[in-house]
N, C-alpha and C. Protein backbone atom coordinates (compact mmCIF):
# COMPACT_ATOMS: atom_id res chain seq x y z
N MET A 1 103.41 104.92 92.99
CA MET A 1 103.06 104.14 93.80
C MET A 1 104.70 103.80 94.54
N ALA A 2 105.32 104.15 94.33
CA ALA A 2 106.50 104.33 94.85
C ALA A 2 106.96 104.44 96.06
N ASP A 3 106.30 105.94 96.10
CA ASP A 3 106.21 106.85 97.61
C ASP A 3 105.47 105.85 98.50
N LYS A 4 104.53 105.76 98.06
CA LYS A 4 103.49 104.51 99.41
C LYS A 4 104.64 103.72 99.68
N ALA A 5 104.97 102.57 98.58
CA ALA A 5 105.91 101.66 98.97
C ALA A 5 106.94 101.61 99.74
N ALA A 6 107.94 102.98 99.54
CA ALA A 6 108.66 103.55 100.47
C ALA A 6 108.39 103.80 102.18
N ALA A 7 107.25 103.97 101.52
CA ALA A 7 106.73 104.69 103.42
C ALA A 7 106.38 103.22 103.89
N ILE A 8 105.75 101.99 102.92
CA ILE A 8 105.63 100.98 103.88
C ILE A 8 106.90 100.26 104.38
N VAL A 9 107.56 100.16 103.63
CA VAL A 9 109.23 99.82 103.71
C VAL A 9 109.70 100.19 105.19
N SER A 10 109.33 101.75 105.29
CA SER A 10 110.00 102.60 106.79
C SER A 10 109.07 102.23 107.73
N GLY A 11 107.74 101.77 107.08
CA GLY A 11 106.76 101.32 108.62
C GLY A 11 107.03 99.83 109.19
N LEU A 12 107.34 99.41 107.94
CA LEU A 12 107.79 98.26 108.53
C LEU A 12 109.03 97.39 109.49
N GLY A 13 110.21 98.84 109.63
CA GLY A 13 111.24 99.18 110.60
C GLY A 13 112.66 98.76 109.32
N GLY A 14 111.91 99.42 108.12
CA GLY A 14 113.19 98.93 107.18
C GLY A 14 113.43 98.04 106.06
N ALA A 15 114.41 98.62 104.68
CA ALA A 15 114.57 96.69 104.27
C ALA A 15 115.40 95.68 104.94
N ASP A 16 115.98 96.26 105.93
CA ASP A 16 116.92 95.31 106.71
C ASP A 16 116.13 94.32 107.78
N ASN A 17 115.26 95.11 107.72
CA ASN A 17 113.88 94.14 108.93
C ASN A 17 112.75 93.17 108.16
N ILE A 18 112.97 93.57 106.83
CA ILE A 18 111.98 92.63 105.87
C ILE A 18 112.45 91.02 105.66
N GLU A 19 111.92 89.75 106.31
CA GLU A 19 112.72 88.98 105.37
C GLU A 19 111.88 88.47 104.35
N ASP A 20 110.50 88.30 104.50
CA ASP A 20 109.78 88.27 102.67
C ASP A 20 108.49 88.62 103.35
N ILE A 21 108.03 88.90 101.76
CA ILE A 21 106.98 89.99 101.53
C ILE A 21 106.29 89.43 100.20
N GLU A 22 104.56 88.85 100.58
CA GLU A 22 104.38 88.69 99.51
C GLU A 22 103.39 88.88 99.29
N ALA A 23 102.15 89.07 98.22
CA ALA A 23 100.92 89.74 97.68
C ALA A 23 99.77 88.47 97.76
N CYS A 24 98.52 88.77 99.24
CA CYS A 24 97.42 88.57 98.86
C CYS A 24 96.34 88.83 98.67
N ILE A 25 95.50 88.88 97.32
CA ILE A 25 94.57 89.61 97.14
C ILE A 25 94.80 91.21 97.99
N THR A 26 94.07 91.61 99.01
CA THR A 26 94.05 92.59 99.32
C THR A 26 95.44 92.84 100.69
N ARG A 27 96.20 92.01 100.63
CA ARG A 27 97.16 92.34 102.26
C ARG A 27 98.51 91.89 101.45
N LEU A 28 99.31 92.86 101.83
CA LEU A 28 100.89 92.61 102.60
C LEU A 28 101.26 91.25 102.88
N ARG A 29 101.57 90.46 102.93
CA ARG A 29 101.89 89.37 103.94
C ARG A 29 103.39 89.42 104.35
N THR A 30 104.01 89.62 105.31
CA THR A 30 105.26 90.23 105.39
C THR A 30 105.47 89.03 106.96
N GLU A 31 107.15 88.47 106.56
CA GLU A 31 107.95 88.57 108.02
C GLU A 31 109.21 89.31 108.18
N VAL A 32 109.31 89.83 109.38
CA VAL A 32 110.16 90.47 109.77
C VAL A 32 111.03 89.93 110.68
N SER A 33 112.09 90.59 110.92
CA SER A 33 112.95 90.23 111.46
C SER A 33 112.96 90.34 113.03
N ASP A 34 112.41 91.77 113.58
CA ASP A 34 112.50 92.35 114.33
C ASP A 34 110.60 93.04 114.70
N ALA A 35 109.70 92.05 115.10
CA ALA A 35 108.13 92.93 114.76
C ALA A 35 108.02 94.58 116.18
N GLY A 36 108.81 94.56 117.18
CA GLY A 36 109.41 95.40 117.13
C GLY A 36 109.00 97.20 116.70
N LYS A 37 109.93 96.44 115.25
CA LYS A 37 110.30 98.06 115.46
C LYS A 37 109.37 98.21 113.72
N VAL A 38 108.17 97.27 114.01
CA VAL A 38 107.26 97.79 112.82
C VAL A 38 106.25 99.07 113.87
N ASP A 39 106.08 99.88 113.05
CA ASP A 39 105.14 100.99 113.54
C ASP A 39 103.52 101.19 112.56
N GLU A 40 102.94 100.73 113.41
CA GLU A 40 101.57 100.78 113.20
C GLU A 40 101.10 101.90 112.55
N PRO A 41 101.28 102.93 113.54
CA PRO A 41 100.58 104.22 112.99
C PRO A 41 101.46 104.97 111.63
N ALA A 42 102.91 104.62 111.23
CA ALA A 42 102.91 104.98 110.36
C ALA A 42 102.85 104.13 108.93
N LEU A 43 102.53 102.89 109.36
CA LEU A 43 101.93 102.14 108.05
C LEU A 43 100.23 102.72 107.83
N LYS A 44 99.37 103.37 108.87
CA LYS A 44 98.40 103.57 108.81
C LYS A 44 98.47 105.12 107.83
N ALA A 45 99.25 105.82 107.76
CA ALA A 45 100.05 107.00 107.52
C ALA A 45 99.82 106.77 106.10
N ALA A 46 100.52 105.68 105.83
CA ALA A 46 101.20 105.60 104.26
C ALA A 46 99.52 105.10 103.83
N GLY A 47 98.87 104.75 104.06
CA GLY A 47 97.67 104.27 103.22
C GLY A 47 97.00 102.54 103.86
N ALA A 48 97.31 102.24 104.78
CA ALA A 48 96.88 100.56 105.10
C ALA A 48 95.76 101.24 105.80
N HIS A 49 94.83 100.22 105.59
CA HIS A 49 93.34 99.81 105.96
C HIS A 49 93.71 100.00 107.49
N GLY A 50 94.42 98.63 107.48
CA GLY A 50 94.73 97.91 108.69
C GLY A 50 95.91 97.42 109.29
N VAL A 51 96.26 96.71 110.39
CA VAL A 51 98.05 96.29 110.30
C VAL A 51 97.53 95.16 111.32
N LEU A 52 98.06 94.05 110.90
CA LEU A 52 97.89 92.76 111.49
C LEU A 52 99.59 92.28 112.04
N VAL A 53 99.53 91.84 113.59
CA VAL A 53 100.41 91.34 113.71
C VAL A 53 100.94 90.41 115.24
N SER A 54 100.78 88.89 114.44
CA SER A 54 101.39 87.80 115.05
C SER A 54 102.61 87.40 115.29
N GLY A 55 103.20 87.24 116.41
CA GLY A 55 104.62 87.02 116.37
C GLY A 55 105.64 88.16 115.02
N ASN A 56 106.23 87.39 114.72
CA ASN A 56 107.37 88.13 113.11
C ASN A 56 106.27 87.92 111.95
N VAL A 57 104.96 87.88 112.13
CA VAL A 57 104.58 87.71 110.57
C VAL A 57 103.51 89.12 110.47
N VAL A 58 103.82 90.17 109.78
CA VAL A 58 102.74 90.91 109.62
C VAL A 58 102.18 91.46 108.07
N GLN A 59 100.64 91.95 108.63
CA GLN A 59 100.11 91.56 107.38
C GLN A 59 99.39 93.13 107.42
N VAL A 60 99.92 93.74 106.39
CA VAL A 60 99.48 94.94 106.31
C VAL A 60 98.35 95.01 104.89
N VAL A 61 96.75 95.69 105.62
CA VAL A 61 95.16 95.51 104.37
C VAL A 61 95.56 96.97 103.82
N VAL A 62 96.21 96.76 102.20
CA VAL A 62 96.22 97.53 101.42
C VAL A 62 95.08 98.13 100.33
N GLY A 63 94.82 96.99 100.05
CA GLY A 63 93.25 97.03 99.18
C GLY A 63 94.17 96.15 97.91
N PRO A 64 93.51 96.71 97.29
CA PRO A 64 93.43 96.11 95.56
C PRO A 64 94.91 96.26 95.25
N GLU A 65 95.41 97.06 95.31
CA GLU A 65 96.79 97.81 95.16
C GLU A 65 98.06 96.92 95.36
N ALA A 66 97.32 95.50 96.27
CA ALA A 66 99.01 94.74 97.07
C ALA A 66 99.93 94.37 96.14
N ASP A 67 99.41 93.78 95.07
CA ASP A 67 100.15 93.25 94.01
C ASP A 67 100.72 94.16 93.67
N GLN A 68 100.51 95.02 93.02
CA GLN A 68 101.70 96.28 92.27
C GLN A 68 102.44 96.47 93.78
N LEU A 69 102.10 97.06 94.81
CA LEU A 69 102.96 97.40 96.08
C LEU A 69 103.91 96.46 96.40
N THR A 70 103.74 95.11 96.62
CA THR A 70 104.78 93.65 96.56
C THR A 70 105.92 94.10 95.81
N ASP A 71 105.55 94.08 94.37
CA ASP A 71 106.41 94.21 93.12
C ASP A 71 107.42 95.76 93.45
N ASP A 72 106.71 96.99 93.85
CA ASP A 72 107.11 98.12 94.03
C ASP A 72 108.34 98.15 94.97
N ILE A 73 107.14 97.43 96.07
CA ILE A 73 108.78 96.63 97.44
C ILE A 73 109.81 96.16 97.20
N ASN A 74 109.88 94.95 96.50
CA ASN A 74 110.92 94.47 96.21
C ASN A 74 111.87 95.28 95.46
N ASP A 75 111.52 95.67 94.71
CA ASP A 75 112.42 96.60 93.93
C ASP A 75 112.98 97.47 94.99
N LEU A 76 112.57 97.95 96.05
CA LEU A 76 113.13 98.61 97.12
C LEU A 76 114.44 98.20 97.73
N ILE A 77 113.93 96.88 98.50
CA ILE A 77 114.56 95.88 99.28
C ILE A 77 115.67 95.45 98.28
N ASP A 78 115.41 94.57 97.42
CA ASP A 78 116.67 93.79 96.42
C ASP A 78 118.00 94.86 96.08
């Protein structure tokens, strides 16, 4: 799942663009510095079922693996 986590980080504009990330059942709720750097097609190619952007808040729908992906992403960006 580390490859998927890395692809999601890239789709969110890179580690430096991610301000906060947390899991919520089937979604990754993230806050990004620059929403313009978010690449929705790349996130979907990484396996996201959907992407919702509202201002600098991005929700990536990934299914029940959200908790594990959040842990893997935090390992990558810390």
